[in-house]
Amino acid sequence: MSSSKSTLQGHDDNGVQKQSPGFVNRHKIETQLSTRNLKGDVDFSHLEDRDAMELYSRARVQQEEIHFLREQISLARVKEMRLLNEKYALQRKFSELRMVCSSL
């Protein structure tokens, strides 16, 4: 597995799952909240915005990966069709050669 594909799937080159940046962000937020006394001085809308932005970012990355994979599938289909056409052309030639050889 190449390193570019493995990083897209959340694993490093050794196949070990990496810690997501979302986990680190949530950990920082929880640490900040636990250090405060929570007497109403926390702006939860800001935290929700960060979570929404994180989710949007993840969704965008996944959409890009889906698009990339669809392109790869399309390229593989085109390659497969070319190989099948070449196979059938070679089979026809081989069949014609057999007919010529049998008529001699």
PDB file of N, CA and C in Angstrom:
ATOM      1  N   MET A   1       0.857  -1.177   0.000  1.00  0.00           N
ATOM      2  CA  MET A   1       0.000   0.000   0.000  1.00  0.00           C
ATOM      3  C   MET A   1       0.894   1.228   0.000  1.00  0.00           C
ATOM      4  N   SER A   2       0.618   2.166  -0.875  1.00  0.00           N
ATOM      5  CA  SER A   2       1.464   3.357  -0.928  1.00  0.00           C
ATOM      6  C   SER A   2       1.158   4.277   0.241  1.00  0.00           C
ATOM      7  N   SER A   3       2.127   5.119   0.539  1.00  0.00           N
ATOM      8  CA  SER A   3       1.944   6.000   1.690  1.00  0.00           C
ATOM      9  C   SER A   3       0.839   7.004   1.457  1.00  0.00           C
ATOM     10  N   SER A   4       0.625   7.437   0.194  1.00  0.00           N
ATOM     11  CA  SER A   4      -0.447   8.402  -0.054  1.00  0.00           C
ATOM     12  C   SER A   4      -1.809   7.776   0.174  1.00  0.00           C
ATOM     13  N   LYS A   5      -1.984   6.521  -0.228  1.00  0.00           N
ATOM     14  CA  LYS A   5      -3.273   5.867  -0.005  1.00  0.00           C
ATOM     15  C   LYS A   5      -3.479   5.572   1.468  1.00  0.00           C
ATOM     16  N   SER A   6      -2.396   5.166   2.163  1.00  0.00           N
ATOM     17  CA  SER A   6      -2.553   4.821   3.570  1.00  0.00           C
ATOM     18  C   SER A   6      -2.860   6.042   4.413  1.00  0.00           C
ATOM     19  N   THR A   7      -2.304   7.196   4.043  1.00  0.00           N
ATOM     20  CA  THR A   7      -2.608   8.395   4.819  1.00  0.00           C
ATOM     21  C   THR A   7      -4.039   8.834   4.595  1.00  0.00           C
ATOM     22  N   LEU A   8      -4.588   8.565   3.407  1.00  0.00           N
ATOM     23  CA  LEU A   8      -5.985   8.903   3.157  1.00  0.00           C
ATOM     24  C   LEU A   8      -6.904   8.046   4.019  1.00  0.00           C
ATOM     25  N   GLN A   9      -6.481   6.848   4.328  1.00  0.00           N
ATOM     26  CA  GLN A   9      -7.307   5.954   5.118  1.00  0.00           C
ATOM     27  C   GLN A   9      -7.041   6.091   6.603  1.00  0.00           C
ATOM     28  N   GLY A  10      -6.169   7.013   7.014  1.00  0.00           N
ATOM     29  CA  GLY A  10      -5.944   7.266   8.428  1.00  0.00           C
ATOM     30  C   GLY A  10      -4.920   6.367   9.061  1.00  0.00           C
ATOM     31  N   HIS A  11      -4.046   5.756   8.268  1.00  0.00           N
ATOM     32  CA  HIS A  11      -3.013   4.888   8.798  1.00  0.00           C
ATOM     33  C   HIS A  11      -1.653   5.412   8.344  1.00  0.00           C
ATOM     34  N   ASP A  12      -0.622   5.183   9.178  1.00  0.00           N
ATOM     35  CA  ASP A  12       0.712   5.570   8.757  1.00  0.00           C
ATOM     36  C   ASP A  12       1.314   4.458   7.909  1.00  0.00           C
ATOM     37  N   ASP A  13       2.595   4.582   7.527  1.00  0.00           N
ATOM     38  CA  ASP A  13       3.222   3.617   6.634  1.00  0.00           C
ATOM     39  C   ASP A  13       3.325   2.223   7.240  1.00  0.00           C
ATOM     40  N   ASN A  14       3.268   2.115   8.545  1.00  0.00           N
ATOM     41  CA  ASN A  14       3.357   0.817   9.207  1.00  0.00           C
ATOM     42  C   ASN A  14       1.994   0.170   9.404  1.00  0.00           C
ATOM     43  N   GLY A  15       0.934   0.804   8.962  1.00  0.00           N
ATOM     44  CA  GLY A  15      -0.408   0.261   9.101  1.00  0.00           C
ATOM     45  C   GLY A  15      -1.051   0.580  10.430  1.00  0.00           C
ATOM     46  N   VAL A  16      -0.413   1.422  11.235  1.00  0.00           N
ATOM     47  CA  VAL A  16      -0.960   1.793  12.527  1.00  0.00           C
ATOM     48  C   VAL A  16      -1.855   3.008  12.338  1.00  0.00           C
ATOM     49  N   GLN A  17      -3.029   2.970  12.957  1.00  0.00           N
ATOM     50  CA  GLN A  17      -3.960   4.073  12.798  1.00  0.00           C
ATOM     51  C   GLN A  17      -3.432   5.309  13.502  1.00  0.00           C
ATOM     52  N   LYS A  18      -3.469   6.435  12.747  1.00  0.00           N
ATOM     53  CA  LYS A  18      -2.998   7.694  13.309  1.00  0.00           C
ATOM     54  C   LYS A  18      -4.099   8.346  14.123  1.00  0.00           C
ATOM     55  N   GLN A  19      -3.658   9.214  15.044  1.00  0.00           N
ATOM     56  CA  GLN A  19      -4.624   9.973  15.833  1.00  0.00           C
ATOM     57  C   GLN A  19      -5.175  11.086  14.950  1.00  0.00           C
ATOM     58  N   SER A  20      -6.478  11.196  14.903  1.00  0.00           N
ATOM     59  CA  SER A  20      -7.077  12.191  14.032  1.00  0.00           C
ATOM     60  C   SER A  20      -6.929  13.576  14.645  1.00  0.00           C
ATOM     61  N   PRO A  21      -6.836  14.602  13.762  1.00  0.00           N
ATOM     62  CA  PRO A  21      -6.759  15.960  14.287  1.00  0.00           C
ATOM     63  C   PRO A  21      -8.008  16.346  15.066  1.00  0.00           C
ATOM     64  N   GLY A  22      -9.135  15.734  14.722  1.00  0.00           N
ATOM     65  CA  GLY A  22     -10.374  16.001  15.451  1.00  0.00           C
ATOM     66  C   GLY A  22     -10.279  15.549  16.895  1.00  0.00           C
ATOM     67  N   PHE A  23      -9.625  14.417  17.110  1.00  0.00           N
ATOM     68  CA  PHE A  23      -9.435  13.927  18.472  1.00  0.00           C
ATOM     69  C   PHE A  23      -8.603  14.912  19.271  1.00  0.00           C
ATOM     70  N   VAL A  24      -7.532  15.408  18.663  1.00  0.00           N
ATOM     71  CA  VAL A  24      -6.656  16.364  19.348  1.00  0.00           C
ATOM     72  C   VAL A  24      -7.427  17.636  19.665  1.00  0.00           C
ATOM     73  N   ASN A  25      -8.228  18.139  18.710  1.00  0.00           N
ATOM     74  CA  ASN A  25      -9.010  19.357  18.935  1.00  0.00           C
ATOM     75  C   ASN A  25     -10.020  19.158  20.058  1.00  0.00           C
ATOM     76  N   ARG A  26     -10.717  18.020  20.042  1.00  0.00           N
ATOM     77  CA  ARG A  26     -11.685  17.761  21.100  1.00  0.00           C
ATOM     78  C   ARG A  26     -10.992  17.649  22.452  1.00  0.00           C
ATOM     79  N   HIS A  27      -9.821  17.051  22.464  1.00  0.00           N
ATOM     80  CA  HIS A  27      -9.076  16.915  23.716  1.00  0.00           C
ATOM     81  C   HIS A  27      -8.694  18.295  24.255  1.00  0.00           C
ATOM     82  N   LYS A  28      -8.271  19.197  23.361  1.00  0.00           N
ATOM     83  CA  LYS A  28      -7.917  20.561  23.789  1.00  0.00           C
ATOM     84  C   LYS A  28      -9.144  21.279  24.355  1.00  0.00           C
ATOM     85  N   ILE A  29     -10.277  21.119  23.694  1.00  0.00           N
ATOM     86  CA  ILE A  29     -11.508  21.770  24.142  1.00  0.00           C
ATOM     87  C   ILE A  29     -11.906  21.247  25.520  1.00  0.00           C
ATOM     88  N   GLU A  30     -11.857  19.909  25.676  1.00  0.00           N
ATOM     89  CA  GLU A  30     -12.223  19.329  26.967  1.00  0.00           C
ATOM     90  C   GLU A  30     -11.272  19.790  28.066  1.00  0.00           C
ATOM     91  N   THR A  31     -10.000  19.911  27.738  1.00  0.00           N
ATOM     92  CA  THR A  31      -9.025  20.394  28.715  1.00  0.00           C
ATOM     93  C   THR A  31      -9.331  21.829  29.107  1.00  0.00           C
ATOM     94  N   GLN A  32      -9.658  22.655  28.100  1.00  0.00           N
ATOM     95  CA  GLN A  32      -9.990  24.052  28.394  1.00  0.00           C
ATOM     96  C   GLN A  32     -11.235  24.133  29.269  1.00  0.00           C
ATOM     97  N   LEU A  33     -12.229  23.305  28.966  1.00  0.00           N
ATOM     98  CA  LEU A  33     -13.458  23.342  29.749  1.00  0.00           C
ATOM     99  C   LEU A  33     -13.231  22.863  31.175  1.00  0.00           C
ATOM    100  N   SER A  34     -12.397  21.843  31.327  1.00  0.00           N
ATOM    101  CA  SER A  34     -12.183  21.311  32.674  1.00  0.00           C
ATOM    102  C   SER A  34     -11.363  22.267  33.528  1.00  0.00           C
ATOM    103  N   THR A  35     -10.534  23.119  32.910  1.00  0.00           N
ATOM    104  CA  THR A  35      -9.734  24.067  33.694  1.00  0.00           C
ATOM    105  C   THR A  35     -10.569  25.269  34.138  1.00  0.00           C
ATOM    106  N   ARG A  36     -11.668  25.543  33.432  1.00  0.00           N
ATOM    107  CA  ARG A  36     -12.542  26.649  33.827  1.00  0.00           C
ATOM    108  C   ARG A  36     -13.545  26.161  34.860  1.00  0.00           C
ATOM    109  N   ASN A  37     -14.162  27.056  35.516  1.00  0.00           N
ATOM    110  CA  ASN A  37     -15.153  26.700  36.535  1.00  0.00           C
ATOM    111  C   ASN A  37     -16.548  26.520  35.953  1.00  0.00           C
ATOM    112  N   LEU A  38     -16.706  26.791  34.658  1.00  0.00           N
ATOM    113  CA  LEU A  38     -17.992  26.682  33.982  1.00  0.00           C
ATOM    114  C   LEU A  38     -19.079  27.502  34.680  1.00  0.00           C
ATOM    115  N   LYS A  39     -18.774  28.746  34.946  1.00  0.00           N
ATOM    116  CA  LYS A  39     -19.752  29.639  35.573  1.00  0.00           C
ATOM    117  C   LYS A  39     -20.468  30.484  34.520  1.00  0.00           C
ATOM    118  N   GLY A  40     -20.620  29.916  33.319  1.00  0.00           N
ATOM    119  CA  GLY A  40     -21.317  30.646  32.275  1.00  0.00           C
ATOM    120  C   GLY A  40     -20.385  31.462  31.401  1.00  0.00           C
ATOM    121  N   ASP A  41     -19.081  31.349  31.575  1.00  0.00           N
ATOM    122  CA  ASP A  41     -18.166  32.157  30.777  1.00  0.00           C
ATOM    123  C   ASP A  41     -17.660  31.407  29.542  1.00  0.00           C
ATOM    124  N   VAL A  42     -18.252  30.268  29.213  1.00  0.00           N
ATOM    125  CA  VAL A  42     -17.844  29.489  28.054  1.00  0.00           C
ATOM    126  C   VAL A  42     -18.784  29.800  26.895  1.00  0.00           C
ATOM    127  N   ASP A  43     -18.228  30.091  25.730  1.00  0.00           N
ATOM    128  CA  ASP A  43     -19.015  30.373  24.533  1.00  0.00           C
ATOM    129  C   ASP A  43     -19.204  29.068  23.759  1.00  0.00           C
ATOM    130  N   PHE A  44     -20.318  28.375  24.017  1.00  0.00           N
ATOM    131  CA  PHE A  44     -20.542  27.079  23.392  1.00  0.00           C
ATOM    132  C   PHE A  44     -20.809  27.201  21.896  1.00  0.00           C
ATOM    133  N   SER A  45     -21.302  28.332  21.424  1.00  0.00           N
ATOM    134  CA  SER A  45     -21.547  28.486  19.992  1.00  0.00           C
ATOM    135  C   SER A  45     -20.233  28.421  19.229  1.00  0.00           C
ATOM    136  N   HIS A  46     -19.166  28.940  19.823  1.00  0.00           N
ATOM    137  CA  HIS A  46     -17.850  28.877  19.183  1.00  0.00           C
ATOM    138  C   HIS A  46     -17.399  27.419  19.074  1.00  0.00           C
ATOM    139  N   LEU A  47     -17.645  26.634  20.126  1.00  0.00           N
ATOM    140  CA  LEU A  47     -17.267  25.221  20.099  1.00  0.00           C
ATOM    141  C   LEU A  47     -18.075  24.470  19.056  1.00  0.00           C
ATOM    142  N   GLU A  48     -19.355  24.773  18.944  1.00  0.00           N
ATOM    143  CA  GLU A  48     -20.207  24.125  17.953  1.00  0.00           C
ATOM    144  C   GLU A  48     -19.757  24.489  16.547  1.00  0.00           C
ATOM    145  N   ASP A  49     -19.336  25.747  16.352  1.00  0.00           N
ATOM    146  CA  ASP A  49     -18.836  26.166  15.048  1.00  0.00           C
ATOM    147  C   ASP A  49     -17.587  25.383  14.677  1.00  0.00           C
ATOM    148  N   ARG A  50     -16.703  25.178  15.643  1.00  0.00           N
ATOM    149  CA  ARG A  50     -15.481  24.413  15.369  1.00  0.00           C
ATOM    150  C   ARG A  50     -15.829  22.974  15.006  1.00  0.00           C
ATOM    151  N   ASP A  51     -16.779  22.388  15.733  1.00  0.00           N
ATOM    152  CA  ASP A  51     -17.198  21.025  15.425  1.00  0.00           C
ATOM    153  C   ASP A  51     -17.824  20.952  14.039  1.00  0.00           C
ATOM    154  N   ALA A  52     -18.660  21.933  13.710  1.00  0.00           N
ATOM    155  CA  ALA A  52     -19.295  21.959  12.396  1.00  0.00           C
ATOM    156  C   ALA A  52     -18.238  22.106  11.302  1.00  0.00           C
ATOM    157  N   MET A  53     -17.262  22.966  11.536  1.00  0.00           N
ATOM    158  CA  MET A  53     -16.192  23.145  10.553  1.00  0.00           C
ATOM    159  C   MET A  53     -15.379  21.857  10.402  1.00  0.00           C
ATOM    160  N   GLU A  54     -15.143  21.183  11.495  1.00  0.00           N
ATOM    161  CA  GLU A  54     -14.398  19.924  11.450  1.00  0.00           C
ATOM    162  C   GLU A  54     -15.165  18.874  10.658  1.00  0.00           C
ATOM    163  N   LEU A  55     -16.475  18.776  10.914  1.00  0.00           N
ATOM    164  CA  LEU A  55     -17.303  17.817  10.182  1.00  0.00           C
ATOM    165  C   LEU A  55     -17.352  18.153   8.697  1.00  0.00           C
ATOM    166  N   TYR A  56     -17.477  19.445   8.386  1.00  0.00           N
ATOM    167  CA  TYR A  56     -17.494  19.869   6.987  1.00  0.00           C
ATOM    168  C   TYR A  56     -16.174  19.521   6.317  1.00  0.00           C
ATOM    169  N   SER A  57     -15.078  19.752   7.019  1.00  0.00           N
ATOM    170  CA  SER A  57     -13.757  19.446   6.470  1.00  0.00           C
ATOM    171  C   SER A  57     -13.615  17.949   6.207  1.00  0.00           C
ATOM    172  N   ARG A  58     -14.052  17.133   7.154  1.00  0.00           N
ATOM    173  CA  ARG A  58     -13.998  15.679   6.963  1.00  0.00           C
ATOM    174  C   ARG A  58     -14.835  15.259   5.759  1.00  0.00           C
ATOM    175  N   ALA A  59     -16.029  15.817   5.661  1.00  0.00           N
ATOM    176  CA  ALA A  59     -16.923  15.467   4.549  1.00  0.00           C
ATOM    177  C   ALA A  59     -16.289  15.855   3.217  1.00  0.00           C
ATOM    178  N   ARG A  60     -15.674  17.021   3.167  1.00  0.00           N
ATOM    179  CA  ARG A  60     -15.029  17.474   1.930  1.00  0.00           C
ATOM    180  C   ARG A  60     -13.877  16.543   1.553  1.00  0.00           C
ATOM    181  N   VAL A  61     -13.070  16.141   2.519  1.00  0.00           N
ATOM    182  CA  VAL A  61     -11.962  15.214   2.254  1.00  0.00           C
ATOM    183  C   VAL A  61     -12.500  13.883   1.747  1.00  0.00           C
ATOM    184  N   GLN A  62     -13.582  13.398   2.355  1.00  0.00           N
ATOM    185  CA  GLN A  62     -14.168  12.133   1.912  1.00  0.00           C
ATOM    186  C   GLN A  62     -14.758  12.250   0.515  1.00  0.00           C
ATOM    187  N   GLN A  63     -15.366  13.395   0.196  1.00  0.00           N
ATOM    188  CA  GLN A  63     -15.894  13.603  -1.151  1.00  0.00           C
ATOM    189  C   GLN A  63     -14.770  13.614  -2.176  1.00  0.00           C
ATOM    190  N   GLU A  64     -13.655  14.253  -1.833  1.00  0.00           N
ATOM    191  CA  GLU A  64     -12.506  14.270  -2.736  1.00  0.00           C
ATOM    192  C   GLU A  64     -11.960  12.861  -2.937  1.00  0.00           C
ATOM    193  N   GLU A  65     -11.919  12.075  -1.875  1.00  0.00           N
ATOM    194  CA  GLU A  65     -11.438  10.699  -1.985  1.00  0.00           C
ATOM    195  C   GLU A  65     -12.380   9.867  -2.851  1.00  0.00           C
ATOM    196  N   ILE A  66     -13.695  10.052  -2.678  1.00  0.00           N
ATOM    197  CA  ILE A  66     -14.675   9.343  -3.496  1.00  0.00           C
ATOM    198  C   ILE A  66     -14.506   9.710  -4.964  1.00  0.00           C
ATOM    199  N   HIS A  67     -14.313  11.009  -5.231  1.00  0.00           N
ATOM    200  CA  HIS A  67     -14.109  11.468  -6.610  1.00  0.00           C
ATOM    201  C   HIS A  67     -12.853  10.821  -7.196  1.00  0.00           C
ATOM    202  N   PHE A  68     -11.768  10.804  -6.426  1.00  0.00           N
ATOM    203  CA  PHE A  68     -10.522  10.202  -6.879  1.00  0.00           C
ATOM    204  C   PHE A  68     -10.714   8.720  -7.178  1.00  0.00           C
ATOM    205  N   LEU A  69     -11.422   8.004  -6.300  1.00  0.00           N
ATOM    206  CA  LEU A  69     -11.645   6.577  -6.500  1.00  0.00           C
ATOM    207  C   LEU A  69     -12.529   6.311  -7.719  1.00  0.00           C
ATOM    208  N   ARG A  70     -13.514   7.165  -7.948  1.00  0.00           N
ATOM    209  CA  ARG A  70     -14.365   7.010  -9.136  1.00  0.00           C
ATOM    210  C   ARG A  70     -13.549   7.206 -10.407  1.00  0.00           C
ATOM    211  N   GLU A  71     -12.630   8.176 -10.392  1.00  0.00           N
ATOM    212  CA  GLU A  71     -11.753   8.375 -11.543  1.00  0.00           C
ATOM    213  C   GLU A  71     -10.895   7.139 -11.783  1.00  0.00           C
ATOM    214  N   GLN A  72     -10.366   6.562 -10.711  1.00  0.00           N
ATOM    215  CA  GLN A  72      -9.545   5.359 -10.835  1.00  0.00           C
ATOM    216  C   GLN A  72     -10.364   4.194 -11.403  1.00  0.00           C
ATOM    217  N   ILE A  73     -11.611   4.072 -10.976  1.00  0.00           N
ATOM    218  CA  ILE A  73     -12.485   3.015 -11.498  1.00  0.00           C
ATOM    219  C   ILE A  73     -12.736   3.235 -12.986  1.00  0.00           C
ATOM    220  N   SER A  74     -12.986   4.481 -13.371  1.00  0.00           N
ATOM    221  CA  SER A  74     -13.227   4.785 -14.785  1.00  0.00           C
ATOM    222  C   SER A  74     -12.010   4.446 -15.632  1.00  0.00           C
ATOM    223  N   LEU A  75     -10.833   4.813 -15.151  1.00  0.00           N
ATOM    224  CA  LEU A  75      -9.607   4.497 -15.885  1.00  0.00           C
ATOM    225  C   LEU A  75      -9.406   2.987 -15.993  1.00  0.00           C
ATOM    226  N   ALA A  76      -9.710   2.268 -14.935  1.00  0.00           N
ATOM    227  CA  ALA A  76      -9.570   0.810 -14.962  1.00  0.00           C
ATOM    228  C   ALA A  76     -10.556   0.187 -15.949  1.00  0.00           C
ATOM    229  N   ARG A  77     -11.756   0.734 -16.029  1.00  0.00           N
ATOM    230  CA  ARG A  77     -12.747   0.215 -16.988  1.00  0.00           C
ATOM    231  C   ARG A  77     -12.284   0.427 -18.423  1.00  0.00           C
ATOM    232  N   VAL A  78     -11.744   1.615 -18.701  1.00  0.00           N
ATOM    233  CA  VAL A  78     -11.254   1.904 -20.050  1.00  0.00           C
ATOM    234  C   VAL A  78     -10.113   0.950 -20.398  1.00  0.00           C
ATOM    235  N   LYS A  79      -9.208   0.748 -19.459  1.00  0.00           N
ATOM    236  CA  LYS A  79      -8.082  -0.164 -19.686  1.00  0.00           C
ATOM    237  C   LYS A  79      -8.583  -1.588 -19.919  1.00  0.00           C
ATOM    238  N   GLU A  80      -9.567  -2.007 -19.123  1.00  0.00           N
ATOM    239  CA  GLU A  80     -10.134  -3.341 -19.290  1.00  0.00           C
ATOM    240  C   GLU A  80     -10.771  -3.502 -20.663  1.00  0.00           C
ATOM    241  N   MET A  81     -11.511  -2.486 -21.122  1.00  0.00           N
ATOM    242  CA  MET A  81     -12.147  -2.559 -22.439  1.00  0.00           C
ATOM    243  C   MET A  81     -11.104  -2.654 -23.548  1.00  0.00           C
ATOM    244  N   ARG A  82     -10.026  -1.879 -23.434  1.00  0.00           N
ATOM    245  CA  ARG A  82      -8.953  -1.955 -24.438  1.00  0.00           C
ATOM    246  C   ARG A  82      -8.338  -3.346 -24.457  1.00  0.00           C
ATOM    247  N   LEU A  83      -8.087  -3.908 -23.293  1.00  0.00           N
ATOM    248  CA  LEU A  83      -7.497  -5.243 -23.227  1.00  0.00           C
ATOM    249  C   LEU A  83      -8.440  -6.296 -23.804  1.00  0.00           C
ATOM    250  N   LEU A  84      -9.734  -6.163 -23.526  1.00  0.00           N
ATOM    251  CA  LEU A  84     -10.702  -7.112 -24.093  1.00  0.00           C
ATOM    252  C   LEU A  84     -10.758  -7.004 -25.613  1.00  0.00           C
ATOM    253  N   ASN A  85     -10.732  -5.766 -26.130  1.00  0.00           N
ATOM    254  CA  ASN A  85     -10.732  -5.590 -27.583  1.00  0.00           C
ATOM    255  C   ASN A  85      -9.488  -6.204 -28.200  1.00  0.00           C
ATOM    256  N   GLU A  86      -8.348  -6.006 -27.556  1.00  0.00           N
ATOM    257  CA  GLU A  86      -7.104  -6.585 -28.048  1.00  0.00           C
ATOM    258  C   GLU A  86      -7.166  -8.117 -27.990  1.00  0.00           C
ATOM    259  N   LYS A  87      -7.726  -8.641 -26.925  1.00  0.00           N
ATOM    260  CA  LYS A  87      -7.871 -10.096 -26.770  1.00  0.00           C
ATOM    261  C   LYS A  87      -8.718 -10.674 -27.891  1.00  0.00           C
ATOM    262  N   TYR A  88      -9.876 -10.034 -28.171  1.00  0.00           N
ATOM    263  CA  TYR A  88     -10.765 -10.538 -29.204  1.00  0.00           C
ATOM    264  C   TYR A  88     -10.124 -10.436 -30.577  1.00  0.00           C
ATOM    265  N   ALA A  89      -9.379  -9.366 -30.827  1.00  0.00           N
ATOM    266  CA  ALA A  89      -8.685  -9.222 -32.112  1.00  0.00           C
ATOM    267  C   ALA A  89      -7.646 -10.326 -32.272  1.00  0.00           C
ATOM    268  N   LEU A  90      -6.906 -10.632 -31.213  1.00  0.00           N
ATOM    269  CA  LEU A  90      -5.910 -11.705 -31.282  1.00  0.00           C
ATOM    270  C   LEU A  90      -6.561 -13.066 -31.450  1.00  0.00           C
ATOM    271  N   GLN A  91      -7.716 -13.275 -30.802  1.00  0.00           N
ATOM    272  CA  GLN A  91      -8.435 -14.538 -30.967  1.00  0.00           C
ATOM    273  C   GLN A  91      -8.896 -14.720 -32.410  1.00  0.00           C
ATOM    274  N   ARG A  92      -9.376 -13.634 -33.047  1.00  0.00           N
ATOM    275  CA  ARG A  92      -9.801 -13.714 -34.451  1.00  0.00           C
ATOM    276  C   ARG A  92      -8.619 -14.069 -35.352  1.00  0.00           C
ATOM    277  N   LYS A  93      -7.477 -13.403 -35.108  1.00  0.00           N
ATOM    278  CA  LYS A  93      -6.298 -13.683 -35.918  1.00  0.00           C
ATOM    279  C   LYS A  93      -5.840 -15.128 -35.726  1.00  0.00           C
ATOM    280  N   PHE A  94      -5.850 -15.591 -34.488  1.00  0.00           N
ATOM    281  CA  PHE A  94      -5.442 -16.955 -34.206  1.00  0.00           C
ATOM    282  C   PHE A  94      -6.388 -17.944 -34.884  1.00  0.00           C
ATOM    283  N   SER A  95      -7.676 -17.652 -34.855  1.00  0.00           N
ATOM    284  CA  SER A  95      -8.668 -18.507 -35.500  1.00  0.00           C
ATOM    285  C   SER A  95      -8.434 -18.545 -37.006  1.00  0.00           C
ATOM    286  N   GLU A  96      -8.145 -17.398 -37.605  1.00  0.00           N
ATOM    287  CA  GLU A  96      -7.866 -17.343 -39.044  1.00  0.00           C
ATOM    288  C   GLU A  96      -6.611 -18.138 -39.385  1.00  0.00           C
ATOM    289  N   LEU A  97      -5.585 -18.033 -38.537  1.00  0.00           N
ATOM    290  CA  LEU A  97      -4.358 -18.792 -38.769  1.00  0.00           C
ATOM    291  C   LEU A  97      -4.612 -20.293 -38.667  1.00  0.00           C
ATOM    292  N   ARG A  98      -5.439 -20.718 -37.732  1.00  0.00           N
ATOM    293  CA  ARG A  98      -5.779 -22.138 -37.612  1.00  0.00           C
ATOM    294  C   ARG A  98      -6.503 -22.639 -38.861  1.00  0.00           C
ATOM    295  N   MET A  99      -7.416 -21.804 -39.368  1.00  0.00           N
ATOM    296  CA  MET A  99      -8.150 -22.189 -40.572  1.00  0.00           C
ATOM    297  C   MET A  99      -7.205 -22.327 -41.770  1.00  0.00           C
ATOM    298  N   VAL A 100      -6.250 -21.407 -41.865  1.00  0.00           N
ATOM    299  CA  VAL A 100      -5.291 -21.467 -42.970  1.00  0.00           C
ATOM    300  C   VAL A 100      -4.420 -22.717 -42.843  1.00  0.00           C
ATOM    301  N   CYS A 101      -3.954 -22.982 -41.601  1.00  0.00           N
ATOM    302  CA  CYS A 101      -3.101 -24.141 -41.383  1.00  0.00           C
ATOM    303  C   CYS A 101      -3.847 -25.449 -41.644  1.00  0.00           C
ATOM    304  N   SER A 102      -5.103 -25.512 -41.296  1.00  0.00           N
ATOM    305  CA  SER A 102      -5.873 -26.748 -41.492  1.00  0.00           C
ATOM    306  C   SER A 102      -6.198 -26.976 -42.968  1.00  0.00           C
ATOM    307  N   SER A 103      -6.238 -25.911 -43.740  1.00  0.00           N
ATOM    308  CA  SER A 103      -6.541 -26.070 -45.171  1.00  0.00           C
ATOM    309  C   SER A 103      -5.309 -26.459 -45.984  1.00  0.00           C
ATOM    310  N   LEU A 104      -4.135 -26.344 -45.404  1.00  0.00           N
ATOM    311  CA  LEU A 104      -2.928 -26.723 -46.140  1.00  0.00           C
ATOM    312  C   LEU A 104      -2.774 -28.162 -46.132  1.00  0.00           C
TER     313      LEU A 104
END
